[in-house]
Amino acid sequence: MKAKPDDRRDNVEHIQENINHTIENMRRADEMIEETSDDKAKENLKAKNGRREDALKGMRSEIRDEAIARENGYK
């Protein structure tokens, strides 16, 4: 059985979708931080949002690379 060929045509859209979901999750976490009085929960949510911010940096870099590759015909 042969492996499927790498199809990168929709990578930009998939990455953008992941970015959008991550930003929405960060927004919801920020709302929860404002609403809770549990200091431990606040600390955990802030740490999680920090990791999300790091992930966003990577995704934004990846989407730029994919967009460039798309413009160049994936050569």
N, C-alpha and C. Protein backbone atom coordinates (compact mmCIF):
# COMPACT_ATOMS: atom_id res chain seq x y z
N MET A 1 0.84 -1.17 0.00
CA MET A 1 0.00 0.00 0.00
C MET A 1 0.90 1.25 0.00
N LYS A 2 0.64 2.15 -0.92
CA LYS A 2 1.42 3.38 -1.02
C LYS A 2 0.90 4.43 -0.06
N ALA A 3 1.81 5.26 0.41
CA ALA A 3 1.43 6.38 1.26
C ALA A 3 0.79 7.46 0.39
N LYS A 4 -0.13 8.20 0.98
CA LYS A 4 -0.76 9.30 0.25
C LYS A 4 0.29 10.37 -0.02
N PRO A 5 0.23 10.99 -1.19
CA PRO A 5 1.15 12.10 -1.44
C PRO A 5 0.81 13.29 -0.55
N ASP A 6 1.81 14.08 -0.24
CA ASP A 6 1.62 15.25 0.61
C ASP A 6 0.80 16.30 -0.14
N ASP A 7 -0.37 16.63 0.38
CA ASP A 7 -1.24 17.63 -0.24
C ASP A 7 -1.30 18.84 0.68
N ARG A 8 -0.57 19.88 0.31
CA ARG A 8 -0.45 21.05 1.16
C ARG A 8 -1.38 22.18 0.74
N ARG A 9 -2.25 21.95 -0.20
CA ARG A 9 -3.07 23.03 -0.75
C ARG A 9 -3.95 23.72 0.28
N ASP A 10 -4.38 23.01 1.30
CA ASP A 10 -5.27 23.65 2.28
C ASP A 10 -4.60 23.86 3.64
N ASN A 11 -3.29 23.76 3.69
CA ASN A 11 -2.59 23.95 4.97
C ASN A 11 -2.80 25.34 5.55
N VAL A 12 -2.78 26.37 4.71
CA VAL A 12 -2.96 27.74 5.20
C VAL A 12 -4.31 27.86 5.89
N GLU A 13 -5.34 27.32 5.29
CA GLU A 13 -6.67 27.41 5.87
C GLU A 13 -6.76 26.63 7.19
N HIS A 14 -6.14 25.46 7.23
CA HIS A 14 -6.16 24.67 8.47
C HIS A 14 -5.41 25.38 9.59
N ILE A 15 -4.29 25.94 9.27
CA ILE A 15 -3.51 26.66 10.28
C ILE A 15 -4.30 27.88 10.76
N GLN A 16 -4.93 28.61 9.84
CA GLN A 16 -5.72 29.77 10.23
C GLN A 16 -6.87 29.36 11.13
N GLU A 17 -7.48 28.24 10.84
CA GLU A 17 -8.56 27.74 11.68
C GLU A 17 -8.04 27.45 13.10
N ASN A 18 -6.87 26.85 13.20
CA ASN A 18 -6.27 26.58 14.50
C ASN A 18 -5.94 27.87 15.24
N ILE A 19 -5.45 28.87 14.52
CA ILE A 19 -5.17 30.17 15.13
C ILE A 19 -6.46 30.77 15.69
N ASN A 20 -7.52 30.74 14.90
CA ASN A 20 -8.80 31.30 15.34
C ASN A 20 -9.31 30.60 16.60
N HIS A 21 -9.22 29.27 16.63
CA HIS A 21 -9.67 28.51 17.80
C HIS A 21 -8.83 28.85 19.02
N THR A 22 -7.54 28.97 18.83
CA THR A 22 -6.65 29.28 19.95
C THR A 22 -6.96 30.66 20.52
N ILE A 23 -7.17 31.63 19.65
CA ILE A 23 -7.52 32.99 20.11
C ILE A 23 -8.84 32.98 20.86
N GLU A 24 -9.80 32.23 20.37
CA GLU A 24 -11.10 32.13 21.05
C GLU A 24 -10.93 31.49 22.43
N ASN A 25 -10.12 30.44 22.51
CA ASN A 25 -9.87 29.79 23.80
C ASN A 25 -9.18 30.75 24.77
N MET A 26 -8.28 31.56 24.27
CA MET A 26 -7.61 32.55 25.12
C MET A 26 -8.63 33.58 25.64
N ARG A 27 -9.51 34.01 24.78
CA ARG A 27 -10.54 34.98 25.18
C ARG A 27 -11.44 34.39 26.27
N ARG A 28 -11.85 33.14 26.07
CA ARG A 28 -12.70 32.49 27.07
C ARG A 28 -11.97 32.32 28.40
N ALA A 29 -10.70 31.96 28.33
CA ALA A 29 -9.91 31.81 29.56
C ALA A 29 -9.79 33.16 30.28
N ASP A 30 -9.59 34.23 29.51
CA ASP A 30 -9.52 35.57 30.12
C ASP A 30 -10.83 35.90 30.84
N GLU A 31 -11.95 35.54 30.24
CA GLU A 31 -13.25 35.77 30.87
C GLU A 31 -13.36 34.97 32.17
N MET A 32 -12.90 33.74 32.14
CA MET A 32 -12.95 32.89 33.33
C MET A 32 -12.05 33.45 34.43
N ILE A 33 -10.91 33.99 34.05
CA ILE A 33 -9.99 34.60 35.02
C ILE A 33 -10.69 35.75 35.74
N GLU A 34 -11.42 36.55 34.96
CA GLU A 34 -12.12 37.69 35.54
C GLU A 34 -13.26 37.26 36.46
N GLU A 35 -13.88 36.13 36.17
CA GLU A 35 -15.07 35.70 36.90
C GLU A 35 -14.78 34.86 38.13
N THR A 36 -13.62 34.22 38.19
CA THR A 36 -13.35 33.31 39.30
C THR A 36 -12.59 34.00 40.43
N SER A 37 -12.83 33.52 41.62
CA SER A 37 -12.10 34.02 42.78
C SER A 37 -11.03 33.01 43.22
N ASP A 38 -10.97 31.89 42.52
CA ASP A 38 -10.01 30.82 42.84
C ASP A 38 -8.63 31.20 42.28
N ASP A 39 -7.72 31.54 43.18
CA ASP A 39 -6.39 31.99 42.76
C ASP A 39 -5.63 30.91 42.00
N LYS A 40 -5.79 29.66 42.40
CA LYS A 40 -5.09 28.56 41.72
C LYS A 40 -5.61 28.42 40.29
N ALA A 41 -6.93 28.52 40.12
CA ALA A 41 -7.52 28.42 38.78
C ALA A 41 -7.04 29.57 37.91
N LYS A 42 -6.99 30.78 38.49
CA LYS A 42 -6.48 31.93 37.74
C LYS A 42 -5.05 31.70 37.28
N GLU A 43 -4.23 31.20 38.19
CA GLU A 43 -2.83 30.93 37.87
C GLU A 43 -2.71 29.90 36.75
N ASN A 44 -3.51 28.84 36.83
CA ASN A 44 -3.49 27.81 35.79
C ASN A 44 -3.94 28.35 34.44
N LEU A 45 -4.99 29.16 34.45
CA LEU A 45 -5.50 29.73 33.19
C LEU A 45 -4.49 30.70 32.58
N LYS A 46 -3.84 31.49 33.41
CA LYS A 46 -2.83 32.42 32.90
C LYS A 46 -1.65 31.66 32.31
N ALA A 47 -1.25 30.57 32.96
CA ALA A 47 -0.14 29.75 32.44
C ALA A 47 -0.54 29.12 31.10
N LYS A 48 -1.77 28.64 31.04
CA LYS A 48 -2.25 28.02 29.80
C LYS A 48 -2.28 29.04 28.67
N ASN A 49 -2.74 30.26 28.96
CA ASN A 49 -2.76 31.30 27.94
C ASN A 49 -1.35 31.68 27.50
N GLY A 50 -0.40 31.61 28.41
CA GLY A 50 1.00 31.85 28.04
C GLY A 50 1.48 30.81 27.04
N ARG A 51 1.12 29.56 27.28
CA ARG A 51 1.50 28.49 26.34
C ARG A 51 0.78 28.68 25.01
N ARG A 52 -0.46 29.13 25.07
CA ARG A 52 -1.21 29.39 23.83
C ARG A 52 -0.56 30.51 23.03
N GLU A 53 -0.09 31.53 23.72
CA GLU A 53 0.58 32.64 23.03
C GLU A 53 1.84 32.15 22.32
N ASP A 54 2.59 31.28 22.98
CA ASP A 54 3.77 30.68 22.34
C ASP A 54 3.37 29.86 21.12
N ALA A 55 2.29 29.11 21.26
CA ALA A 55 1.81 28.29 20.13
C ALA A 55 1.37 29.18 18.97
N LEU A 56 0.74 30.31 19.28
CA LEU A 56 0.31 31.24 18.22
C LEU A 56 1.51 31.76 17.43
N LYS A 57 2.58 32.07 18.12
CA LYS A 57 3.79 32.54 17.42
C LYS A 57 4.26 31.50 16.41
N GLY A 58 4.28 30.25 16.84
CA GLY A 58 4.69 29.17 15.94
C GLY A 58 3.74 29.00 14.77
N MET A 59 2.43 29.06 15.04
CA MET A 59 1.45 28.90 13.98
C MET A 59 1.51 30.05 12.98
N ARG A 60 1.76 31.26 13.49
CA ARG A 60 1.84 32.41 12.58
C ARG A 60 3.07 32.30 11.68
N SER A 61 4.15 31.80 12.23
CA SER A 61 5.35 31.58 11.43
C SER A 61 5.09 30.50 10.38
N GLU A 62 4.43 29.43 10.80
CA GLU A 62 4.13 28.34 9.89
C GLU A 62 3.19 28.77 8.77
N ILE A 63 2.20 29.61 9.09
CA ILE A 63 1.26 30.04 8.06
C ILE A 63 1.97 30.93 7.03
N ARG A 64 2.93 31.74 7.50
CA ARG A 64 3.72 32.56 6.55
C ARG A 64 4.51 31.65 5.61
N ASP A 65 5.15 30.63 6.17
CA ASP A 65 5.92 29.70 5.35
C ASP A 65 5.04 28.99 4.33
N GLU A 66 3.86 28.57 4.77
CA GLU A 66 2.95 27.87 3.87
C GLU A 66 2.42 28.81 2.78
N ALA A 67 2.13 30.05 3.14
CA ALA A 67 1.65 31.01 2.14
C ALA A 67 2.71 31.28 1.09
N ILE A 68 3.95 31.40 1.52
CA ILE A 68 5.06 31.61 0.58
C ILE A 68 5.20 30.39 -0.32
N ALA A 69 5.13 29.20 0.27
CA ALA A 69 5.25 27.98 -0.52
C ALA A 69 4.11 27.88 -1.54
N ARG A 70 2.91 28.30 -1.14
CA ARG A 70 1.76 28.28 -2.05
C ARG A 70 2.01 29.22 -3.22
N GLU A 71 2.49 30.42 -2.92
CA GLU A 71 2.77 31.40 -3.98
C GLU A 71 3.83 30.89 -4.95
N ASN A 72 4.76 30.11 -4.43
CA ASN A 72 5.84 29.58 -5.26
C ASN A 72 5.49 28.23 -5.87
N GLY A 73 4.27 27.83 -5.77
CA GLY A 73 3.82 26.57 -6.38
C GLY A 73 4.33 25.34 -5.64
N TYR A 74 4.65 25.46 -4.35
CA TYR A 74 5.12 24.33 -3.52
C TYR A 74 6.34 23.64 -4.11
N LYS A 75 7.27 24.44 -4.60
CA LYS A 75 8.50 23.87 -5.18
C LYS A 75 9.51 23.63 -4.10
